[in-house]
């Protein structure tokens, strides 16, 4: 099995890490996203890891969610005023949006390691400058995740170009307990989507 450690590669995310996040931190938790199915697994990275990998305590709809990764197009509250309210242009058409999509792909039998430093992102109102004018927006600061046992959910895509099949969203769950006395490895196994649906139907009977 070939193991892959996720590294930020695109210029946009590198800029976000440098300007908005502040610095690199030591991983408290490493999420291992394993593709044990026979088809490629993909993660849409247009808005970073936050839509793909998240965690909560309790049970929905009363669950308490934490943001382990930054939301797209938000700056750190410590960023200079000129950078605190960023502007992130979106593709003007649906076709342009599709062509601009960025994916991180995991081949069958491979896995992908995503490190997390144990800090959560908290958002608050602020003011910054856009095109030379002061504007209101939100910025983020980080703090240690509250202690507790969390359900971790990772969601990926089974992409297809076939007219007979649709692209499938596949989500899997794991569990972690914070704080950890030593670095944790949380494995999240993406098996066959069909077998998971069948198991869920059986469990619901």
N, C-alpha and C. Protein backbone atom coordinates (compact mmCIF):
# COMPACT_ATOMS: atom_id res chain seq x y z
N UNK A 1 0.85 -1.19 0.00
CA UNK A 1 0.00 0.00 0.00
C UNK A 1 0.89 1.24 0.00
N UNK A 2 0.57 2.19 -0.86
CA UNK A 2 1.34 3.42 -0.91
C UNK A 2 0.66 4.46 -0.03
N UNK A 3 1.41 5.08 0.88
CA UNK A 3 0.86 6.09 1.77
C UNK A 3 1.22 7.47 1.27
N UNK A 4 0.31 8.39 1.35
CA UNK A 4 0.52 9.75 0.86
C UNK A 4 0.24 10.72 1.98
N UNK A 5 1.17 11.63 2.26
CA UNK A 5 0.94 12.67 3.23
C UNK A 5 0.48 13.91 2.50
N UNK A 6 -0.69 14.42 2.89
CA UNK A 6 -1.26 15.58 2.22
C UNK A 6 -0.40 16.80 2.50
N UNK A 7 -0.05 17.52 1.43
CA UNK A 7 0.67 18.77 1.56
C UNK A 7 -0.03 19.81 0.71
N UNK A 8 -0.13 21.05 1.25
CA UNK A 8 -0.76 22.12 0.51
C UNK A 8 0.10 22.44 -0.69
N UNK A 9 -0.52 22.38 -1.90
CA UNK A 9 0.26 22.54 -3.11
C UNK A 9 -0.17 23.71 -3.95
N UNK A 10 -1.42 24.08 -3.93
CA UNK A 10 -1.88 25.13 -4.81
C UNK A 10 -1.51 26.49 -4.26
N UNK A 11 -1.31 27.45 -5.16
CA UNK A 11 -0.88 28.78 -4.76
C UNK A 11 -1.89 29.46 -3.87
N UNK A 12 -3.18 29.25 -4.15
CA UNK A 12 -4.22 29.91 -3.36
C UNK A 12 -4.19 29.44 -1.92
N UNK A 13 -4.02 28.12 -1.69
CA UNK A 13 -4.03 27.61 -0.33
C UNK A 13 -2.73 27.97 0.38
N UNK A 14 -1.63 28.01 -0.35
CA UNK A 14 -0.37 28.44 0.25
C UNK A 14 -0.50 29.87 0.74
N UNK A 15 -1.14 30.74 -0.07
CA UNK A 15 -1.34 32.13 0.33
C UNK A 15 -2.20 32.20 1.57
N UNK A 16 -3.26 31.39 1.62
CA UNK A 16 -4.12 31.36 2.80
C UNK A 16 -3.33 30.96 4.04
N UNK A 17 -2.49 29.94 3.90
CA UNK A 17 -1.72 29.48 5.05
C UNK A 17 -0.74 30.56 5.52
N UNK A 18 -0.13 31.26 4.58
CA UNK A 18 0.89 32.24 4.93
C UNK A 18 0.28 33.50 5.53
N UNK A 19 -0.78 34.02 4.90
CA UNK A 19 -1.36 35.29 5.33
C UNK A 19 -2.38 35.11 6.43
N UNK A 20 -3.20 34.07 6.32
CA UNK A 20 -4.39 33.98 7.16
C UNK A 20 -4.22 33.05 8.35
N UNK A 21 -3.47 31.98 8.19
CA UNK A 21 -3.36 31.00 9.27
C UNK A 21 -2.24 31.38 10.24
N UNK A 22 -1.14 31.87 9.71
CA UNK A 22 -0.11 32.39 10.60
C UNK A 22 1.14 31.54 10.63
N UNK A 23 1.02 30.23 10.84
CA UNK A 23 2.22 29.42 10.96
C UNK A 23 1.86 27.94 10.90
N UNK A 24 2.90 27.12 10.76
CA UNK A 24 2.69 25.68 10.77
C UNK A 24 2.80 25.17 12.20
N UNK A 25 1.95 24.22 12.56
CA UNK A 25 1.95 23.68 13.91
C UNK A 25 2.13 22.17 13.86
N UNK A 26 2.57 21.64 14.97
CA UNK A 26 2.78 20.20 15.06
C UNK A 26 1.44 19.48 15.09
N UNK A 27 1.33 18.37 14.37
CA UNK A 27 0.07 17.64 14.28
C UNK A 27 -0.23 16.94 15.60
N UNK A 28 -1.44 17.19 16.12
CA UNK A 28 -1.94 16.48 17.29
C UNK A 28 -2.66 15.21 16.86
N UNK A 29 -3.37 15.31 15.73
CA UNK A 29 -4.12 14.20 15.17
C UNK A 29 -3.78 14.08 13.68
N UNK A 30 -3.63 12.86 13.22
CA UNK A 30 -3.47 12.61 11.79
C UNK A 30 -4.65 11.75 11.34
N UNK A 31 -5.41 12.27 10.39
CA UNK A 31 -6.53 11.54 9.81
C UNK A 31 -6.03 10.79 8.58
N UNK A 32 -6.21 9.48 8.59
CA UNK A 32 -5.80 8.65 7.46
C UNK A 32 -7.05 8.28 6.67
N UNK A 33 -7.18 8.82 5.47
CA UNK A 33 -8.34 8.57 4.62
C UNK A 33 -7.97 7.45 3.66
N UNK A 34 -8.52 6.27 3.91
CA UNK A 34 -8.14 5.07 3.16
C UNK A 34 -9.19 4.74 2.11
N UNK A 35 -8.73 4.50 0.89
CA UNK A 35 -9.62 4.10 -0.20
C UNK A 35 -9.48 2.60 -0.43
N UNK A 36 -10.34 1.83 0.22
CA UNK A 36 -10.27 0.37 0.07
C UNK A 36 -11.21 -0.14 -1.02
N UNK A 37 -11.83 0.78 -1.75
CA UNK A 37 -12.71 0.40 -2.86
C UNK A 37 -11.88 0.28 -4.14
N UNK A 38 -12.51 -0.25 -5.18
CA UNK A 38 -11.81 -0.48 -6.46
C UNK A 38 -11.86 0.73 -7.39
N UNK A 39 -12.49 1.83 -6.95
CA UNK A 39 -12.58 3.03 -7.77
C UNK A 39 -11.90 4.20 -7.07
N UNK A 40 -11.46 5.17 -7.86
CA UNK A 40 -10.77 6.34 -7.32
C UNK A 40 -11.68 7.14 -6.38
N UNK A 41 -11.07 7.69 -5.34
CA UNK A 41 -11.75 8.56 -4.39
C UNK A 41 -11.21 9.97 -4.57
N UNK A 42 -12.09 10.98 -4.56
CA UNK A 42 -11.66 12.35 -4.80
C UNK A 42 -12.23 13.28 -3.74
N UNK A 43 -11.45 14.32 -3.40
CA UNK A 43 -11.91 15.36 -2.48
C UNK A 43 -11.83 16.70 -3.20
N UNK A 44 -12.95 17.41 -3.23
CA UNK A 44 -12.99 18.72 -3.87
C UNK A 44 -12.33 19.73 -2.94
N UNK A 45 -11.23 20.35 -3.40
CA UNK A 45 -10.45 21.25 -2.57
C UNK A 45 -10.69 22.72 -2.90
N UNK A 46 -11.77 23.03 -3.63
CA UNK A 46 -12.04 24.43 -3.97
C UNK A 46 -12.15 25.30 -2.71
N UNK A 47 -12.68 24.74 -1.63
CA UNK A 47 -12.85 25.50 -0.39
C UNK A 47 -12.06 24.89 0.77
N UNK A 48 -11.00 24.15 0.43
CA UNK A 48 -10.14 23.60 1.45
C UNK A 48 -10.70 22.33 2.08
N UNK A 49 -10.13 21.95 3.23
CA UNK A 49 -10.51 20.70 3.88
C UNK A 49 -11.79 20.80 4.70
N UNK A 50 -12.19 22.01 5.11
CA UNK A 50 -13.31 22.12 6.04
C UNK A 50 -14.59 21.44 5.54
N UNK A 51 -14.99 21.59 4.26
CA UNK A 51 -16.22 20.90 3.83
C UNK A 51 -16.06 19.37 3.73
N UNK A 52 -14.82 18.90 3.71
CA UNK A 52 -14.56 17.47 3.52
C UNK A 52 -14.33 16.71 4.81
N UNK A 53 -13.89 17.40 5.85
CA UNK A 53 -13.46 16.73 7.08
C UNK A 53 -13.85 17.59 8.28
N UNK A 54 -14.76 17.09 9.11
CA UNK A 54 -15.26 17.91 10.22
C UNK A 54 -15.61 17.00 11.39
N UNK A 55 -15.94 17.61 12.53
CA UNK A 55 -16.17 16.83 13.75
C UNK A 55 -17.22 17.49 14.62
N UNK A 56 -17.87 16.67 15.46
CA UNK A 56 -18.89 17.20 16.36
C UNK A 56 -19.00 16.33 17.61
N UNK A 57 -19.53 16.95 18.68
CA UNK A 57 -19.84 16.23 19.92
C UNK A 57 -21.34 16.14 20.06
N UNK A 58 -21.83 15.05 20.65
CA UNK A 58 -23.25 14.87 20.83
C UNK A 58 -23.91 14.32 19.59
N UNK A 59 -25.24 14.40 19.55
CA UNK A 59 -25.99 13.85 18.42
C UNK A 59 -26.78 14.96 17.73
N UNK A 60 -26.75 14.96 16.39
CA UNK A 60 -27.57 15.95 15.66
C UNK A 60 -29.04 15.76 16.02
N UNK A 61 -29.87 16.81 16.07
CA UNK A 61 -29.54 18.18 15.66
C UNK A 61 -28.95 19.04 16.76
N UNK A 62 -28.69 18.45 17.95
CA UNK A 62 -28.15 19.23 19.06
C UNK A 62 -26.64 19.08 19.19
N UNK A 63 -26.01 18.55 18.18
CA UNK A 63 -24.57 18.35 18.22
C UNK A 63 -23.84 19.69 18.23
N UNK A 64 -22.67 19.71 18.85
CA UNK A 64 -21.82 20.89 18.88
C UNK A 64 -20.66 20.66 17.91
N UNK A 65 -20.61 21.47 16.86
CA UNK A 65 -19.64 21.29 15.79
C UNK A 65 -18.38 22.10 16.07
N UNK A 66 -17.27 21.60 15.60
CA UNK A 66 -16.02 22.36 15.64
C UNK A 66 -15.48 22.49 14.22
N UNK A 67 -14.80 23.60 13.97
CA UNK A 67 -14.16 23.83 12.67
C UNK A 67 -12.68 23.54 12.83
N UNK A 68 -12.24 22.42 12.30
CA UNK A 68 -10.83 22.03 12.44
C UNK A 68 -9.94 22.70 11.41
N UNK A 69 -10.54 23.17 10.32
CA UNK A 69 -9.79 23.80 9.24
C UNK A 69 -10.47 25.13 8.88
N UNK A 70 -9.74 26.07 8.31
CA UNK A 70 -10.33 27.39 8.03
C UNK A 70 -11.38 27.35 6.94
N UNK A 71 -12.37 28.22 7.06
CA UNK A 71 -13.36 28.39 6.01
C UNK A 71 -12.73 29.14 4.84
N UNK A 72 -13.24 28.87 3.67
CA UNK A 72 -12.72 29.49 2.46
C UNK A 72 -12.93 31.00 2.47
N UNK A 73 -11.89 31.73 2.12
CA UNK A 73 -11.95 33.17 1.89
C UNK A 73 -12.20 33.96 3.18
N UNK A 74 -11.62 33.51 4.28
CA UNK A 74 -11.64 34.27 5.53
C UNK A 74 -10.21 34.41 6.02
N UNK A 75 -9.89 35.55 6.63
CA UNK A 75 -8.54 35.82 7.10
C UNK A 75 -8.47 35.71 8.62
N UNK A 76 -7.24 35.62 9.12
CA UNK A 76 -7.03 35.64 10.56
C UNK A 76 -7.26 37.05 11.09
N UNK A 77 -7.74 37.14 12.31
CA UNK A 77 -7.99 38.45 12.92
C UNK A 77 -6.68 39.21 13.13
N UNK A 78 -5.56 38.51 13.13
CA UNK A 78 -4.25 39.15 13.28
C UNK A 78 -3.69 39.65 11.96
N UNK A 79 -4.38 39.40 10.85
CA UNK A 79 -3.90 39.84 9.54
C UNK A 79 -3.94 41.37 9.46
N UNK A 80 -3.07 41.99 8.66
CA UNK A 80 -3.13 43.44 8.47
C UNK A 80 -4.51 43.86 7.95
N UNK A 81 -4.90 45.09 8.23
CA UNK A 81 -6.22 45.57 7.86
C UNK A 81 -6.50 45.37 6.37
N UNK A 82 -5.49 45.58 5.53
CA UNK A 82 -5.69 45.46 4.08
C UNK A 82 -5.97 44.03 3.65
N UNK A 83 -5.60 43.04 4.49
CA UNK A 83 -5.79 41.63 4.15
C UNK A 83 -6.91 40.97 4.95
N UNK A 84 -7.56 41.71 5.84
CA UNK A 84 -8.49 41.09 6.80
C UNK A 84 -9.84 40.74 6.18
N UNK A 85 -10.22 41.39 5.10
CA UNK A 85 -11.49 41.10 4.42
C UNK A 85 -11.19 40.74 2.96
N UNK A 86 -10.68 39.54 2.71
CA UNK A 86 -10.25 39.18 1.36
C UNK A 86 -11.42 39.08 0.38
N UNK A 87 -11.10 39.24 -0.88
CA UNK A 87 -12.06 39.06 -1.97
C UNK A 87 -11.61 37.86 -2.78
N UNK A 88 -12.50 36.89 -2.94
CA UNK A 88 -12.18 35.67 -3.67
C UNK A 88 -13.15 35.52 -4.84
N UNK A 89 -12.75 35.92 -6.03
CA UNK A 89 -13.65 35.86 -7.19
C UNK A 89 -14.10 34.42 -7.48
N UNK A 90 -15.35 34.28 -7.86
CA UNK A 90 -15.91 32.98 -8.23
C UNK A 90 -16.04 32.92 -9.76
N UNK A 91 -15.93 31.72 -10.36
CA UNK A 91 -16.16 31.59 -11.81
C UNK A 91 -17.54 32.10 -12.18
N UNK A 92 -17.64 32.77 -13.33
CA UNK A 92 -18.89 33.42 -13.72
C UNK A 92 -19.94 32.46 -14.25
N UNK A 93 -19.54 31.32 -14.77
CA UNK A 93 -20.50 30.38 -15.34
C UNK A 93 -20.31 29.00 -14.72
N UNK A 94 -21.35 28.17 -14.86
CA UNK A 94 -21.26 26.81 -14.35
C UNK A 94 -20.17 26.02 -15.03
N UNK A 95 -20.00 26.24 -16.33
CA UNK A 95 -18.96 25.52 -17.09
C UNK A 95 -17.58 25.92 -16.61
N UNK A 96 -17.39 27.24 -16.37
CA UNK A 96 -16.10 27.71 -15.86
C UNK A 96 -15.83 27.18 -14.46
N UNK A 97 -16.88 27.08 -13.67
CA UNK A 97 -16.74 26.55 -12.31
C UNK A 97 -16.30 25.10 -12.33
N UNK A 98 -16.89 24.31 -13.23
CA UNK A 98 -16.51 22.90 -13.34
C UNK A 98 -15.06 22.74 -13.79
N UNK A 99 -14.66 23.56 -14.76
CA UNK A 99 -13.29 23.43 -15.29
C UNK A 99 -12.25 23.90 -14.28
N UNK A 100 -12.66 24.77 -13.33
CA UNK A 100 -11.72 25.30 -12.35
C UNK A 100 -11.62 24.44 -11.09
N UNK A 101 -12.43 23.41 -10.98
CA UNK A 101 -12.42 22.60 -9.78
C UNK A 101 -11.07 21.94 -9.54
N UNK A 102 -10.66 21.91 -8.27
CA UNK A 102 -9.40 21.28 -7.87
C UNK A 102 -9.72 20.06 -7.01
N UNK A 103 -9.12 18.94 -7.34
CA UNK A 103 -9.38 17.71 -6.60
C UNK A 103 -8.08 17.12 -6.06
N UNK A 104 -8.16 16.58 -4.86
CA UNK A 104 -7.12 15.71 -4.34
C UNK A 104 -7.64 14.29 -4.50
N UNK A 105 -6.88 13.45 -5.17
CA UNK A 105 -7.36 12.12 -5.55
C UNK A 105 -6.59 11.03 -4.81
N UNK A 106 -7.31 9.97 -4.48
CA UNK A 106 -6.71 8.81 -3.80
C UNK A 106 -7.02 7.58 -4.65
N UNK A 107 -6.01 6.95 -5.16
CA UNK A 107 -6.19 5.78 -6.02
C UNK A 107 -6.68 4.58 -5.21
N UNK A 108 -7.30 3.60 -5.85
CA UNK A 108 -7.73 2.39 -5.14
C UNK A 108 -6.56 1.73 -4.40
N UNK A 109 -6.78 1.40 -3.14
CA UNK A 109 -5.74 0.76 -2.35
C UNK A 109 -4.79 1.71 -1.66
N UNK A 110 -4.88 3.01 -1.96
CA UNK A 110 -3.99 4.00 -1.35
C UNK A 110 -4.68 4.69 -0.18
N UNK A 111 -3.91 5.50 0.55
CA UNK A 111 -4.51 6.33 1.59
C UNK A 111 -3.85 7.70 1.60
N UNK A 112 -4.50 8.61 2.28
CA UNK A 112 -4.08 10.01 2.32
C UNK A 112 -4.05 10.46 3.77
N UNK A 113 -2.94 11.03 4.24
CA UNK A 113 -2.82 11.48 5.62
C UNK A 113 -3.00 12.99 5.69
N UNK A 114 -3.93 13.41 6.55
CA UNK A 114 -4.23 14.83 6.73
C UNK A 114 -3.95 15.20 8.18
N UNK A 115 -2.92 16.01 8.45
CA UNK A 115 -2.60 16.36 9.83
C UNK A 115 -3.49 17.49 10.35
N UNK A 116 -3.76 17.46 11.66
CA UNK A 116 -4.51 18.52 12.33
C UNK A 116 -3.83 18.83 13.65
N UNK A 117 -3.71 20.12 13.98
CA UNK A 117 -2.94 20.54 15.14
C UNK A 117 -3.74 20.63 16.43
N UNK A 118 -5.03 20.25 16.42
CA UNK A 118 -5.82 20.30 17.63
C UNK A 118 -6.44 21.65 17.92
N UNK A 119 -6.22 22.63 17.05
CA UNK A 119 -6.79 23.95 17.21
C UNK A 119 -8.08 24.08 16.38
N UNK A 120 -9.08 24.76 16.94
CA UNK A 120 -10.32 25.00 16.20
C UNK A 120 -10.39 26.47 15.81
N UNK A 121 -11.13 26.74 14.74
CA UNK A 121 -11.28 28.10 14.22
C UNK A 121 -12.57 28.70 14.75
N UNK A 122 -12.44 29.89 15.34
CA UNK A 122 -13.57 30.63 15.90
C UNK A 122 -13.68 31.94 15.13
N UNK A 123 -14.89 32.30 14.70
CA UNK A 123 -15.08 33.47 13.85
C UNK A 123 -15.77 34.60 14.59
N UNK A 124 -15.34 35.82 14.30
CA UNK A 124 -15.92 37.00 14.94
C UNK A 124 -15.94 38.16 13.94
N UNK A 125 -16.78 39.13 14.22
CA UNK A 125 -16.91 40.27 13.32
C UNK A 125 -15.70 41.19 13.44
N UNK A 126 -15.34 41.79 12.30
CA UNK A 126 -14.20 42.71 12.27
C UNK A 126 -14.41 43.71 11.13
N UNK A 127 -13.45 44.58 10.95
CA UNK A 127 -13.48 45.53 9.83
C UNK A 127 -12.12 45.52 9.16
N UNK A 128 -12.14 45.64 7.85
CA UNK A 128 -10.92 45.68 7.07
C UNK A 128 -11.13 46.55 5.86
N UNK A 129 -10.21 46.45 4.91
CA UNK A 129 -10.30 47.27 3.70
C UNK A 129 -10.45 46.40 2.47
N UNK A 130 -11.36 46.82 1.61
CA UNK A 130 -11.53 46.21 0.29
C UNK A 130 -11.51 47.32 -0.74
N UNK A 131 -10.56 47.24 -1.64
CA UNK A 131 -10.40 48.27 -2.67
C UNK A 131 -10.29 49.65 -2.05
N UNK A 132 -9.55 49.72 -0.94
CA UNK A 132 -9.29 51.00 -0.30
C UNK A 132 -10.38 51.50 0.61
N UNK A 133 -11.52 50.83 0.71
CA UNK A 133 -12.63 51.26 1.55
C UNK A 133 -12.80 50.30 2.73
N UNK A 134 -13.13 50.86 3.89
CA UNK A 134 -13.34 50.03 5.06
C UNK A 134 -14.64 49.25 4.94
N UNK A 135 -14.57 47.96 5.22
CA UNK A 135 -15.73 47.08 5.10
C UNK A 135 -15.84 46.20 6.34
N UNK A 136 -17.04 45.75 6.62
CA UNK A 136 -17.24 44.79 7.68
C UNK A 136 -17.16 43.36 7.15
N UNK A 137 -16.62 42.46 7.93
CA UNK A 137 -16.53 41.05 7.52
C UNK A 137 -16.30 40.23 8.79
N UNK A 138 -15.94 38.99 8.62
CA UNK A 138 -15.59 38.12 9.73
C UNK A 138 -14.15 37.66 9.58
N UNK A 139 -13.51 37.46 10.71
CA UNK A 139 -12.14 36.92 10.71
C UNK A 139 -12.09 35.76 11.70
N UNK A 140 -11.00 35.01 11.68
CA UNK A 140 -10.91 33.88 12.60
C UNK A 140 -9.71 33.98 13.54
N UNK A 141 -9.90 33.39 14.68
CA UNK A 141 -8.80 33.14 15.62
C UNK A 141 -8.85 31.66 15.97
N UNK A 142 -7.80 31.15 16.55
CA UNK A 142 -7.76 29.73 16.89
C UNK A 142 -7.61 29.55 18.39
N UNK A 143 -8.13 28.42 18.87
CA UNK A 143 -8.02 28.04 20.27
C UNK A 143 -8.06 26.52 20.35
N UNK A 144 -7.57 25.95 21.47
CA UNK A 144 -7.60 24.48 21.59
C UNK A 144 -9.03 23.95 21.54
N UNK A 145 -9.20 22.80 20.92
CA UNK A 145 -10.53 22.17 20.86
C UNK A 145 -11.01 21.83 22.26
N UNK A 146 -12.30 22.03 22.57
CA UNK A 146 -12.84 21.67 23.89
C UNK A 146 -12.65 20.17 24.15
N UNK A 147 -12.39 19.78 25.38
CA UNK A 147 -12.24 18.36 25.71
C UNK A 147 -13.53 17.60 25.41
N UNK A 148 -13.38 16.35 25.02
CA UNK A 148 -14.55 15.52 24.78
C UNK A 148 -14.29 14.45 23.75
N UNK A 149 -15.31 13.63 23.53
CA UNK A 149 -15.26 12.59 22.51
C UNK A 149 -16.03 13.09 21.29
N UNK A 150 -15.40 13.02 20.14
CA UNK A 150 -15.96 13.59 18.92
C UNK A 150 -16.22 12.52 17.87
N UNK A 151 -17.29 12.70 17.13
CA UNK A 151 -17.50 11.95 15.89
C UNK A 151 -16.82 12.74 14.78
N UNK A 152 -15.95 12.07 14.04
CA UNK A 152 -15.26 12.68 12.91
C UNK A 152 -15.90 12.17 11.63
N UNK A 153 -16.25 13.06 10.75
CA UNK A 153 -16.86 12.65 9.49
C UNK A 153 -16.02 13.17 8.32
N UNK A 154 -15.70 12.27 7.39
CA UNK A 154 -15.00 12.63 6.17
C UNK A 154 -15.89 12.30 4.98
N UNK A 155 -15.96 13.20 4.02
CA UNK A 155 -16.82 13.01 2.85
C UNK A 155 -16.00 13.19 1.57
N UNK A 156 -16.07 12.19 0.71
CA UNK A 156 -15.37 12.24 -0.57
C UNK A 156 -16.31 11.93 -1.71
N UNK A 157 -15.79 11.98 -2.91
CA UNK A 157 -16.61 11.78 -4.11
C UNK A 157 -16.12 10.58 -4.90
N UNK A 158 -17.08 9.84 -5.43
CA UNK A 158 -16.79 8.80 -6.42
C UNK A 158 -17.19 9.41 -7.77
N UNK A 159 -16.20 9.98 -8.45
CA UNK A 159 -16.48 10.70 -9.69
C UNK A 159 -16.76 9.73 -10.83
N UNK A 160 -17.62 10.14 -11.74
CA UNK A 160 -17.90 9.34 -12.92
C UNK A 160 -18.24 10.25 -14.08
N UNK A 161 -17.89 9.84 -15.27
CA UNK A 161 -18.26 10.56 -16.49
C UNK A 161 -19.29 9.77 -17.29
N UNK A 162 -19.77 8.70 -16.69
CA UNK A 162 -20.74 7.85 -17.37
C UNK A 162 -22.12 8.49 -17.34
N UNK A 163 -22.83 8.39 -18.45
CA UNK A 163 -24.20 8.92 -18.51
C UNK A 163 -25.16 8.05 -17.71
N UNK A 164 -24.76 6.82 -17.41
CA UNK A 164 -25.63 5.89 -16.69
C UNK A 164 -25.46 5.97 -15.18
N UNK A 165 -24.42 6.66 -14.72
CA UNK A 165 -24.17 6.77 -13.29
C UNK A 165 -23.93 8.22 -12.90
N UNK A 166 -24.29 8.55 -11.70
CA UNK A 166 -24.04 9.88 -11.17
C UNK A 166 -22.84 9.84 -10.21
N UNK A 167 -22.17 10.99 -10.10
CA UNK A 167 -21.13 11.10 -9.09
C UNK A 167 -21.74 10.91 -7.71
N UNK A 168 -21.12 10.09 -6.89
CA UNK A 168 -21.65 9.76 -5.57
C UNK A 168 -20.86 10.45 -4.47
N UNK A 169 -21.58 11.03 -3.52
CA UNK A 169 -20.95 11.54 -2.30
C UNK A 169 -20.92 10.40 -1.28
N UNK A 170 -19.75 10.14 -0.75
CA UNK A 170 -19.60 9.06 0.22
C UNK A 170 -19.01 9.62 1.52
N UNK A 171 -19.66 9.37 2.64
CA UNK A 171 -19.19 9.85 3.94
C UNK A 171 -18.95 8.68 4.89
N UNK A 172 -17.89 8.76 5.66
CA UNK A 172 -17.58 7.74 6.66
C UNK A 172 -17.28 8.42 7.98
N UNK A 173 -17.51 7.70 9.09
CA UNK A 173 -17.34 8.27 10.42
C UNK A 173 -16.23 7.56 11.19
N UNK A 174 -15.63 8.31 12.09
CA UNK A 174 -14.65 7.77 13.03
C UNK A 174 -14.85 8.44 14.37
N UNK A 175 -13.97 8.18 15.32
CA UNK A 175 -14.10 8.76 16.65
C UNK A 175 -12.74 9.18 17.18
N UNK A 176 -12.71 10.32 17.89
CA UNK A 176 -11.48 10.76 18.55
C UNK A 176 -11.83 11.38 19.89
N UNK A 177 -10.90 11.31 20.82
CA UNK A 177 -11.07 11.88 22.15
C UNK A 177 -9.98 12.93 22.37
N UNK A 178 -10.39 14.12 22.82
CA UNK A 178 -9.47 15.21 23.06
C UNK A 178 -9.59 15.70 24.50
N UNK A 179 -8.49 16.18 25.11
CA UNK A 179 -7.15 16.23 24.52
C UNK A 179 -6.48 14.86 24.55
N UNK A 180 -5.47 14.71 23.74
CA UNK A 180 -4.74 13.45 23.66
C UNK A 180 -3.39 13.60 24.34
N UNK A 181 -2.99 12.58 25.08
CA UNK A 181 -1.69 12.63 25.76
C UNK A 181 -0.54 12.43 24.79
N UNK A 182 -0.83 11.87 23.63
CA UNK A 182 0.19 11.67 22.59
C UNK A 182 -0.51 11.77 21.23
N UNK A 183 0.24 11.97 20.14
CA UNK A 183 -0.38 12.10 18.82
C UNK A 183 -1.28 10.91 18.48
N UNK A 184 -2.44 11.21 17.91
CA UNK A 184 -3.41 10.18 17.53
C UNK A 184 -3.41 9.97 16.03
N UNK A 185 -3.74 8.76 15.62
CA UNK A 185 -3.99 8.45 14.22
C UNK A 185 -5.42 7.93 14.11
N UNK A 186 -6.25 8.62 13.36
CA UNK A 186 -7.65 8.24 13.17
C UNK A 186 -7.82 7.74 11.74
N UNK A 187 -8.17 6.46 11.59
CA UNK A 187 -8.32 5.89 10.27
C UNK A 187 -9.78 5.92 9.84
N UNK A 188 -10.02 6.41 8.64
CA UNK A 188 -11.36 6.51 8.07
C UNK A 188 -11.35 5.76 6.73
N UNK A 189 -12.05 4.64 6.70
CA UNK A 189 -11.97 3.72 5.57
C UNK A 189 -13.15 3.92 4.62
N UNK A 190 -12.85 4.31 3.38
CA UNK A 190 -13.86 4.45 2.34
C UNK A 190 -13.92 3.14 1.56
N UNK A 191 -14.86 2.27 1.94
CA UNK A 191 -15.06 1.03 1.22
C UNK A 191 -16.03 1.22 0.08
N UNK A 192 -16.72 0.16 -0.30
CA UNK A 192 -17.69 0.24 -1.38
C UNK A 192 -18.91 1.04 -0.94
N UNK A 193 -19.30 2.10 -1.69
CA UNK A 193 -20.50 2.86 -1.31
C UNK A 193 -21.75 1.99 -1.28
N UNK A 194 -21.86 1.04 -2.21
CA UNK A 194 -23.05 0.18 -2.27
C UNK A 194 -23.16 -0.70 -1.03
N UNK A 195 -22.05 -1.26 -0.58
CA UNK A 195 -22.10 -2.13 0.59
C UNK A 195 -22.43 -1.34 1.85
N UNK A 196 -21.99 -0.09 1.93
CA UNK A 196 -22.30 0.74 3.09
C UNK A 196 -23.78 1.09 3.13
N UNK A 197 -24.36 1.37 1.97
CA UNK A 197 -25.79 1.68 1.93
C UNK A 197 -26.63 0.47 2.33
N UNK A 198 -26.18 -0.71 1.87
CA UNK A 198 -26.91 -1.93 2.22
C UNK A 198 -26.83 -2.18 3.73
N UNK A 199 -25.65 -1.95 4.31
CA UNK A 199 -25.47 -2.14 5.76
C UNK A 199 -26.34 -1.16 6.54
N UNK A 200 -26.42 0.08 6.04
CA UNK A 200 -27.24 1.08 6.72
C UNK A 200 -28.73 0.71 6.65
N UNK A 201 -29.16 0.15 5.53
CA UNK A 201 -30.56 -0.28 5.41
C UNK A 201 -30.87 -1.42 6.37
N UNK A 202 -29.91 -2.37 6.47
CA UNK A 202 -30.10 -3.49 7.39
C UNK A 202 -30.16 -3.02 8.84
N UNK A 203 -29.31 -2.04 9.18
CA UNK A 203 -29.28 -1.52 10.55
C UNK A 203 -30.56 -0.79 10.90
N UNK A 204 -31.22 -0.24 9.88
CA UNK A 204 -32.44 0.51 10.13
C UNK A 204 -33.67 -0.35 10.25
N UNK A 205 -33.57 -1.61 9.95
CA UNK A 205 -34.73 -2.51 10.04
C UNK A 205 -35.05 -2.85 11.49
